[in-house]
């Protein structure tokens, strides 16, 4: 993925009433854009001006001297992945993803409960993730800008639990936000494509440049 602000993969009002147009305008056009702009300004100073976000994340993860660049590059990547993790279609997973969810969590309802609990339980700012780890699926969380890419895990879906992701619509009711997204907005087609590509050894995500 290039260091650039991609457009949303849907209209600003596409996720209403669960996530409002006002939230997407502020979240994408202000917060996400700021991470992209900062990463774009810092990367050349570190000799990484021509690198992709994935390359920058790999080179800077865990390095205190490159913490600012890691944080902004990872946040730029995480946000683009988050937009694609959402869809107005929502629903339930199909195919291999559904089978692996049943294997790992017992059934979809149990997964949904545990995923929402992980999102709500993440202390402070961060992310909840469904990841492929070897031949199984796991729910994990990361703080602030951290990302599964820095931990050799393949992300399938994510939920942003920074306050700017939900405060306009839900104020301090993070549980309501998490429940609404899990029930109505998770993009299972995207998760399925990520799993398929991961199994084939291709890129671990399906995003346009």
C-alpha atoms as a PDB file:
ATOM      1  CA  UNK A   1       0.000   0.000   0.000  1.00  0.00           C
ATOM      2  CA  UNK A   2       1.344   3.421  -0.960  1.00  0.00           C
ATOM      3  CA  UNK A   3       1.603   6.289   1.519  1.00  0.00           C
ATOM      4  CA  UNK A   4      -1.596   7.920   0.345  1.00  0.00           C
ATOM      5  CA  UNK A   5      -5.128   8.566   1.534  1.00  0.00           C
ATOM      6  CA  UNK A   6      -7.390   6.235  -0.429  1.00  0.00           C
ATOM      7  CA  UNK A   7     -11.058   7.113  -0.812  1.00  0.00           C
ATOM      8  CA  UNK A   8     -13.567   5.243   1.282  1.00  0.00           C
ATOM      9  CA  UNK A   9     -14.788   2.066  -0.450  1.00  0.00           C
ATOM     10  CA  UNK A  10     -18.391   3.338  -0.036  1.00  0.00           C
ATOM     11  CA  UNK A  11     -20.243   6.609   0.414  1.00  0.00           C
ATOM     12  CA  UNK A  12     -19.988   8.618   3.607  1.00  0.00           C
ATOM     13  CA  UNK A  13     -23.593   7.758   4.476  1.00  0.00           C
ATOM     14  CA  UNK A  14     -23.382   4.063   3.527  1.00  0.00           C
ATOM     15  CA  UNK A  15     -22.999   2.751   7.089  1.00  0.00           C
ATOM     16  CA  UNK A  16     -25.847   4.724   8.651  1.00  0.00           C
ATOM     17  CA  UNK A  17     -27.528   4.425  11.092  1.00  0.00           C
ATOM     18  CA  UNK A  18     -24.744   2.457  12.798  1.00  0.00           C
ATOM     19  CA  UNK A  19     -21.898   4.815  11.828  1.00  0.00           C
ATOM     20  CA  UNK A  20     -22.892   8.282  10.696  1.00  0.00           C
ATOM     21  CA  UNK A  21     -21.790  10.388   7.766  1.00  0.00           C
ATOM     22  CA  UNK A  22     -20.393  12.913  10.247  1.00  0.00           C
ATOM     23  CA  UNK A  23     -18.210  10.251  11.849  1.00  0.00           C
ATOM     24  CA  UNK A  24     -16.833   9.010   8.529  1.00  0.00           C
ATOM     25  CA  UNK A  25     -16.120  12.529   7.311  1.00  0.00           C
ATOM     26  CA  UNK A  26     -14.210  13.390  10.464  1.00  0.00           C
ATOM     27  CA  UNK A  27     -12.544  10.013  10.879  1.00  0.00           C
ATOM     28  CA  UNK A  28     -11.416   9.565   7.268  1.00  0.00           C
ATOM     29  CA  UNK A  29     -10.873  13.140   6.112  1.00  0.00           C
ATOM     30  CA  UNK A  30      -9.250  14.420   9.324  1.00  0.00           C
ATOM     31  CA  UNK A  31      -7.780  11.622  11.465  1.00  0.00           C
ATOM     32  CA  UNK A  32      -6.772   9.179   8.737  1.00  0.00           C
ATOM     33  CA  UNK A  33      -5.520  11.989   6.529  1.00  0.00           C
ATOM     34  CA  UNK A  34      -3.333  13.329   9.343  1.00  0.00           C
ATOM     35  CA  UNK A  35      -1.609   9.958   9.800  1.00  0.00           C
ATOM     36  CA  UNK A  36      -0.974   9.721   6.064  1.00  0.00           C
ATOM     37  CA  UNK A  37       0.425  13.246   5.863  1.00  0.00           C
ATOM     38  CA  UNK A  38       2.733  12.695   8.833  1.00  0.00           C
ATOM     39  CA  UNK A  39       3.996   9.348   7.532  1.00  0.00           C
ATOM     40  CA  UNK A  40       4.594  10.938   4.137  1.00  0.00           C
ATOM     41  CA  UNK A  41       6.692  13.690   5.720  1.00  0.00           C
ATOM     42  CA  UNK A  42       8.696  11.370   7.990  1.00  0.00           C
ATOM     43  CA  UNK A  43       9.440   8.535   5.549  1.00  0.00           C
ATOM     44  CA  UNK A  44      11.923  10.454   3.322  1.00  0.00           C
ATOM     45  CA  UNK A  45      13.844  11.633   6.391  1.00  0.00           C
ATOM     46  CA  UNK A  46      14.344   7.969   7.335  1.00  0.00           C
ATOM     47  CA  UNK A  47      15.360   6.967   3.818  1.00  0.00           C
ATOM     48  CA  UNK A  48      12.036   5.194   3.226  1.00  0.00           C
ATOM     49  CA  UNK A  49      10.310   7.659   0.946  1.00  0.00           C
ATOM     50  CA  UNK A  50       9.782   5.088  -1.810  1.00  0.00           C
ATOM     51  CA  UNK A  51       8.764   2.231   0.530  1.00  0.00           C
ATOM     52  CA  UNK A  52       5.230   0.924   0.936  1.00  0.00           C
ATOM     53  CA  UNK A  53       3.461   1.177   4.269  1.00  0.00           C
ATOM     54  CA  UNK A  54       4.026  -2.541   4.826  1.00  0.00           C
ATOM     55  CA  UNK A  55       7.763  -2.143   4.230  1.00  0.00           C
ATOM     56  CA  UNK A  56       7.941   0.831   6.578  1.00  0.00           C
ATOM     57  CA  UNK A  57       6.076  -1.059   9.296  1.00  0.00           C
ATOM     58  CA  UNK A  58       8.435  -4.038   8.971  1.00  0.00           C
ATOM     59  CA  UNK A  59      11.542  -1.833   9.107  1.00  0.00           C
ATOM     60  CA  UNK A  60      10.444   0.352  12.034  1.00  0.00           C
ATOM     61  CA  UNK A  61       8.531  -2.014  14.341  1.00  0.00           C
ATOM     62  CA  UNK A  62      10.103  -2.127  17.789  1.00  0.00           C
ATOM     63  CA  UNK A  63      12.685   0.558  17.029  1.00  0.00           C
ATOM     64  CA  UNK A  64      12.499   3.484  19.430  1.00  0.00           C
ATOM     65  CA  UNK A  65      14.356   5.795  17.062  1.00  0.00           C
ATOM     66  CA  UNK A  66      11.660   5.248  14.409  1.00  0.00           C
ATOM     67  CA  UNK A  67       8.649   5.235  16.732  1.00  0.00           C
ATOM     68  CA  UNK A  68       6.955   8.272  15.191  1.00  0.00           C
ATOM     69  CA  UNK A  69       7.259   6.889  11.682  1.00  0.00           C
ATOM     70  CA  UNK A  70       6.018   3.461  12.779  1.00  0.00           C
ATOM     71  CA  UNK A  71       3.027   4.941  14.575  1.00  0.00           C
ATOM     72  CA  UNK A  72       1.905   7.060  11.644  1.00  0.00           C
ATOM     73  CA  UNK A  73       2.581   4.441   8.972  1.00  0.00           C
ATOM     74  CA  UNK A  74       0.828   1.751  10.992  1.00  0.00           C
ATOM     75  CA  UNK A  75      -2.140   4.003  11.673  1.00  0.00           C
ATOM     76  CA  UNK A  76      -2.394   4.860   7.984  1.00  0.00           C
ATOM     77  CA  UNK A  77      -2.393   1.131   7.165  1.00  0.00           C
ATOM     78  CA  UNK A  78      -4.746   0.141   9.992  1.00  0.00           C
ATOM     79  CA  UNK A  79      -7.324   2.716   8.973  1.00  0.00           C
ATOM     80  CA  UNK A  80      -7.417   1.656   5.341  1.00  0.00           C
ATOM     81  CA  UNK A  81      -7.827  -1.950   6.487  1.00  0.00           C
ATOM     82  CA  UNK A  82     -10.606  -0.858   8.854  1.00  0.00           C
ATOM     83  CA  UNK A  83     -12.604   0.847   6.108  1.00  0.00           C
ATOM     84  CA  UNK A  84     -12.540  -2.372   4.110  1.00  0.00           C
ATOM     85  CA  UNK A  85     -13.481  -4.394   7.190  1.00  0.00           C
ATOM     86  CA  UNK A  86     -16.869  -2.643   7.167  1.00  0.00           C
ATOM     87  CA  UNK A  87     -19.777  -3.128   4.793  1.00  0.00           C
ATOM     88  CA  UNK A  88     -23.413  -2.134   4.777  1.00  0.00           C
ATOM     89  CA  UNK A  89     -24.209  -5.763   3.875  1.00  0.00           C
ATOM     90  CA  UNK A  90     -23.000  -7.170   7.188  1.00  0.00           C
ATOM     91  CA  UNK A  91     -24.375 -10.628   7.814  1.00  0.00           C
ATOM     92  CA  UNK A  92     -22.488 -13.796   8.641  1.00  0.00           C
ATOM     93  CA  UNK A  93     -19.378 -15.455   7.193  1.00  0.00           C
ATOM     94  CA  UNK A  94     -19.529 -18.170   4.583  1.00  0.00           C
ATOM     95  CA  UNK A  95     -17.178 -20.873   3.334  1.00  0.00           C
ATOM     96  CA  UNK A  96     -13.767 -21.431   4.893  1.00  0.00           C
ATOM     97  CA  UNK A  97     -14.017 -18.448   7.228  1.00  0.00           C
ATOM     98  CA  UNK A  98     -17.279 -19.768   8.681  1.00  0.00           C
ATOM     99  CA  UNK A  99     -15.764 -23.225   9.168  1.00  0.00           C
ATOM    100  CA  UNK A 100     -12.691 -21.833  10.908  1.00  0.00           C
ATOM    101  CA  UNK A 101     -14.815 -19.605  13.139  1.00  0.00           C
ATOM    102  CA  UNK A 102     -16.872 -22.625  14.207  1.00  0.00           C
ATOM    103  CA  UNK A 103     -13.676 -24.583  14.823  1.00  0.00           C
ATOM    104  CA  UNK A 104     -11.984 -21.827  16.831  1.00  0.00           C
ATOM    105  CA  UNK A 105     -14.948 -20.384  18.751  1.00  0.00           C
ATOM    106  CA  UNK A 106     -17.718 -22.968  18.624  1.00  0.00           C
ATOM    107  CA  UNK A 107     -20.162 -20.921  16.562  1.00  0.00           C
ATOM    108  CA  UNK A 108     -20.630 -17.466  15.079  1.00  0.00           C
ATOM    109  CA  UNK A 109     -22.615 -16.081  18.014  1.00  0.00           C
ATOM    110  CA  UNK A 110     -19.816 -17.001  20.401  1.00  0.00           C
ATOM    111  CA  UNK A 111     -17.293 -15.371  18.095  1.00  0.00           C
ATOM    112  CA  UNK A 112     -19.383 -12.197  17.938  1.00  0.00           C
ATOM    113  CA  UNK A 113     -19.622 -12.024  21.710  1.00  0.00           C
ATOM    114  CA  UNK A 114     -15.882 -12.576  22.185  1.00  0.00           C
ATOM    115  CA  UNK A 115     -14.921 -10.110  19.455  1.00  0.00           C
ATOM    116  CA  UNK A 116     -17.110  -7.394  20.944  1.00  0.00           C
ATOM    117  CA  UNK A 117     -15.740  -8.166  24.420  1.00  0.00           C
ATOM    118  CA  UNK A 118     -12.184  -7.830  23.116  1.00  0.00           C
ATOM    119  CA  UNK A 119     -13.008  -4.467  21.550  1.00  0.00           C
ATOM    120  CA  UNK A 120     -14.666  -3.169  24.716  1.00  0.00           C
ATOM    121  CA  UNK A 121     -11.938  -4.584  26.951  1.00  0.00           C
ATOM    122  CA  UNK A 122      -9.056  -2.965  25.070  1.00  0.00           C
ATOM    123  CA  UNK A 123      -7.799  -0.422  27.594  1.00  0.00           C
ATOM    124  CA  UNK A 124      -7.445   3.005  26.053  1.00  0.00           C
ATOM    125  CA  UNK A 125      -7.010   3.495  22.329  1.00  0.00           C
ATOM    126  CA  UNK A 126      -6.387   0.576  20.006  1.00  0.00           C
ATOM    127  CA  UNK A 127      -7.831  -2.104  17.783  1.00  0.00           C
ATOM    128  CA  UNK A 128      -9.573  -5.475  17.949  1.00  0.00           C
ATOM    129  CA  UNK A 129      -8.602  -7.965  15.242  1.00  0.00           C
ATOM    130  CA  UNK A 130      -9.631 -11.291  13.799  1.00  0.00           C
ATOM    131  CA  UNK A 131      -6.397 -12.843  12.589  1.00  0.00           C
ATOM    132  CA  UNK A 132      -5.237 -16.039  10.958  1.00  0.00           C
ATOM    133  CA  UNK A 133      -2.400 -17.500  12.988  1.00  0.00           C
ATOM    134  CA  UNK A 134      -1.139 -20.629  11.307  1.00  0.00           C
ATOM    135  CA  UNK A 135      -4.130 -22.882  10.639  1.00  0.00           C
ATOM    136  CA  UNK A 136      -6.448 -21.306  13.194  1.00  0.00           C
ATOM    137  CA  UNK A 137      -8.263 -18.037  13.782  1.00  0.00           C
ATOM    138  CA  UNK A 138      -7.685 -15.873  16.844  1.00  0.00           C
ATOM    139  CA  UNK A 139      -9.078 -12.678  18.301  1.00  0.00           C
ATOM    140  CA  UNK A 140      -6.401 -10.260  19.391  1.00  0.00           C
ATOM    141  CA  UNK A 141      -6.079  -6.606  20.350  1.00  0.00           C
ATOM    142  CA  UNK A 142      -3.366  -4.029  19.817  1.00  0.00           C
ATOM    143  CA  UNK A 143      -2.772  -0.753  21.604  1.00  0.00           C
ATOM    144  CA  UNK A 144      -2.537   2.610  19.884  1.00  0.00           C
ATOM    145  CA  UNK A 145      -0.949   2.128  16.436  1.00  0.00           C
ATOM    146  CA  UNK A 146       0.262  -1.446  16.864  1.00  0.00           C
ATOM    147  CA  UNK A 147      -0.780  -3.884  14.149  1.00  0.00           C
ATOM    148  CA  UNK A 148      -0.721  -7.664  13.534  1.00  0.00           C
ATOM    149  CA  UNK A 149       1.667  -7.005  10.642  1.00  0.00           C
ATOM    150  CA  UNK A 150       4.359  -6.351  13.267  1.00  0.00           C
ATOM    151  CA  UNK A 151       3.654  -9.737  14.902  1.00  0.00           C
ATOM    152  CA  UNK A 152       3.672 -12.090  11.909  1.00  0.00           C
ATOM    153  CA  UNK A 153      -0.098 -12.535  12.004  1.00  0.00           C
ATOM    154  CA  UNK A 154      -2.473 -12.220   9.056  1.00  0.00           C
ATOM    155  CA  UNK A 155      -5.343  -9.792   9.754  1.00  0.00           C
ATOM    156  CA  UNK A 156      -8.757 -10.711   8.374  1.00  0.00           C
ATOM    157  CA  UNK A 157     -10.902  -7.979   9.955  1.00  0.00           C
ATOM    158  CA  UNK A 158     -10.428  -5.134  12.418  1.00  0.00           C
ATOM    159  CA  UNK A 159     -12.494  -2.862  14.629  1.00  0.00           C
ATOM    160  CA  UNK A 160     -11.120   0.577  15.508  1.00  0.00           C
ATOM    161  CA  UNK A 161     -11.715   1.413  19.177  1.00  0.00           C
ATOM    162  CA  UNK A 162      -9.987   4.770  19.299  1.00  0.00           C
ATOM    163  CA  UNK A 163     -12.559   7.225  20.633  1.00  0.00           C
ATOM    164  CA  UNK A 164     -12.599   9.178  17.378  1.00  0.00           C
ATOM    165  CA  UNK A 165     -14.104   6.090  15.704  1.00  0.00           C
ATOM    166  CA  UNK A 166     -17.328   6.265  17.686  1.00  0.00           C
ATOM    167  CA  UNK A 167     -17.596   9.311  19.936  1.00  0.00           C
ATOM    168  CA  UNK A 168     -19.756  11.446  17.636  1.00  0.00           C
ATOM    169  CA  UNK A 169     -22.362   8.683  17.416  1.00  0.00           C
ATOM    170  CA  UNK A 170     -22.034   6.825  20.707  1.00  0.00           C
ATOM    171  CA  UNK A 171     -20.230   9.208  23.087  1.00  0.00           C
ATOM    172  CA  UNK A 172     -18.677   6.973  25.766  1.00  0.00           C
ATOM    173  CA  UNK A 173     -20.788   3.918  24.885  1.00  0.00           C
ATOM    174  CA  UNK A 174     -18.077   1.788  23.315  1.00  0.00           C
ATOM    175  CA  UNK A 175     -20.064  -1.434  23.998  1.00  0.00           C
ATOM    176  CA  UNK A 176     -22.959  -0.139  21.876  1.00  0.00           C
ATOM    177  CA  UNK A 177     -20.607   0.767  19.030  1.00  0.00           C
ATOM    178  CA  UNK A 178     -18.875  -2.630  19.135  1.00  0.00           C
ATOM    179  CA  UNK A 179     -22.177  -4.499  19.240  1.00  0.00           C
ATOM    180  CA  UNK A 180     -23.586  -2.508  16.306  1.00  0.00           C
ATOM    181  CA  UNK A 181     -20.554  -3.148  14.115  1.00  0.00           C
ATOM    182  CA  UNK A 182     -20.311  -6.860  14.944  1.00  0.00           C
ATOM    183  CA  UNK A 183     -24.009  -7.398  14.307  1.00  0.00           C
ATOM    184  CA  UNK A 184     -24.437  -5.246  11.213  1.00  0.00           C
ATOM    185  CA  UNK A 185     -21.259  -4.090   9.495  1.00  0.00           C
ATOM    186  CA  UNK A 186     -18.460  -6.665   9.411  1.00  0.00           C
ATOM    187  CA  UNK A 187     -17.344  -7.344   5.832  1.00  0.00           C
ATOM    188  CA  UNK A 188     -17.125 -11.114   5.648  1.00  0.00           C
ATOM    189  CA  UNK A 189     -16.391 -11.114   1.919  1.00  0.00           C
ATOM    190  CA  UNK A 190     -13.254  -9.115   2.699  1.00  0.00           C
ATOM    191  CA  UNK A 191     -12.285 -11.536   5.474  1.00  0.00           C
ATOM    192  CA  UNK A 192     -12.779 -14.468   3.119  1.00  0.00           C
ATOM    193  CA  UNK A 193     -10.592 -12.933   0.429  1.00  0.00           C
ATOM    194  CA  UNK A 194      -7.853 -12.207   2.967  1.00  0.00           C
ATOM    195  CA  UNK A 195      -7.934 -15.802   4.199  1.00  0.00           C
ATOM    196  CA  UNK A 196      -7.863 -17.149   0.640  1.00  0.00           C
ATOM    197  CA  UNK A 197      -4.875 -15.025  -0.324  1.00  0.00           C
ATOM    198  CA  UNK A 198      -3.062 -15.869   2.886  1.00  0.00           C
ATOM    199  CA  UNK A 199      -3.460 -19.590   2.184  1.00  0.00           C
ATOM    200  CA  UNK A 200      -2.126 -19.103  -1.345  1.00  0.00           C
ATOM    201  CA  UNK A 201       0.939 -17.235  -0.072  1.00  0.00           C
ATOM    202  CA  UNK A 202      -0.157 -13.946  -1.649  1.00  0.00           C
ATOM    203  CA  UNK A 203      -0.554 -10.598   0.124  1.00  0.00           C
ATOM    204  CA  UNK A 204      -2.392 -10.859   3.418  1.00  0.00           C
ATOM    205  CA  UNK A 205      -4.919  -8.199   2.478  1.00  0.00           C
ATOM    206  CA  UNK A 206      -6.952  -7.147  -0.537  1.00  0.00           C
ATOM    207  CA  UNK A 207      -6.655  -3.391  -0.898  1.00  0.00           C
ATOM    208  CA  UNK A 208      -6.248  -1.216  -3.951  1.00  0.00           C
ATOM    209  CA  UNK A 209      -3.261   1.157  -4.184  1.00  0.00           C
END
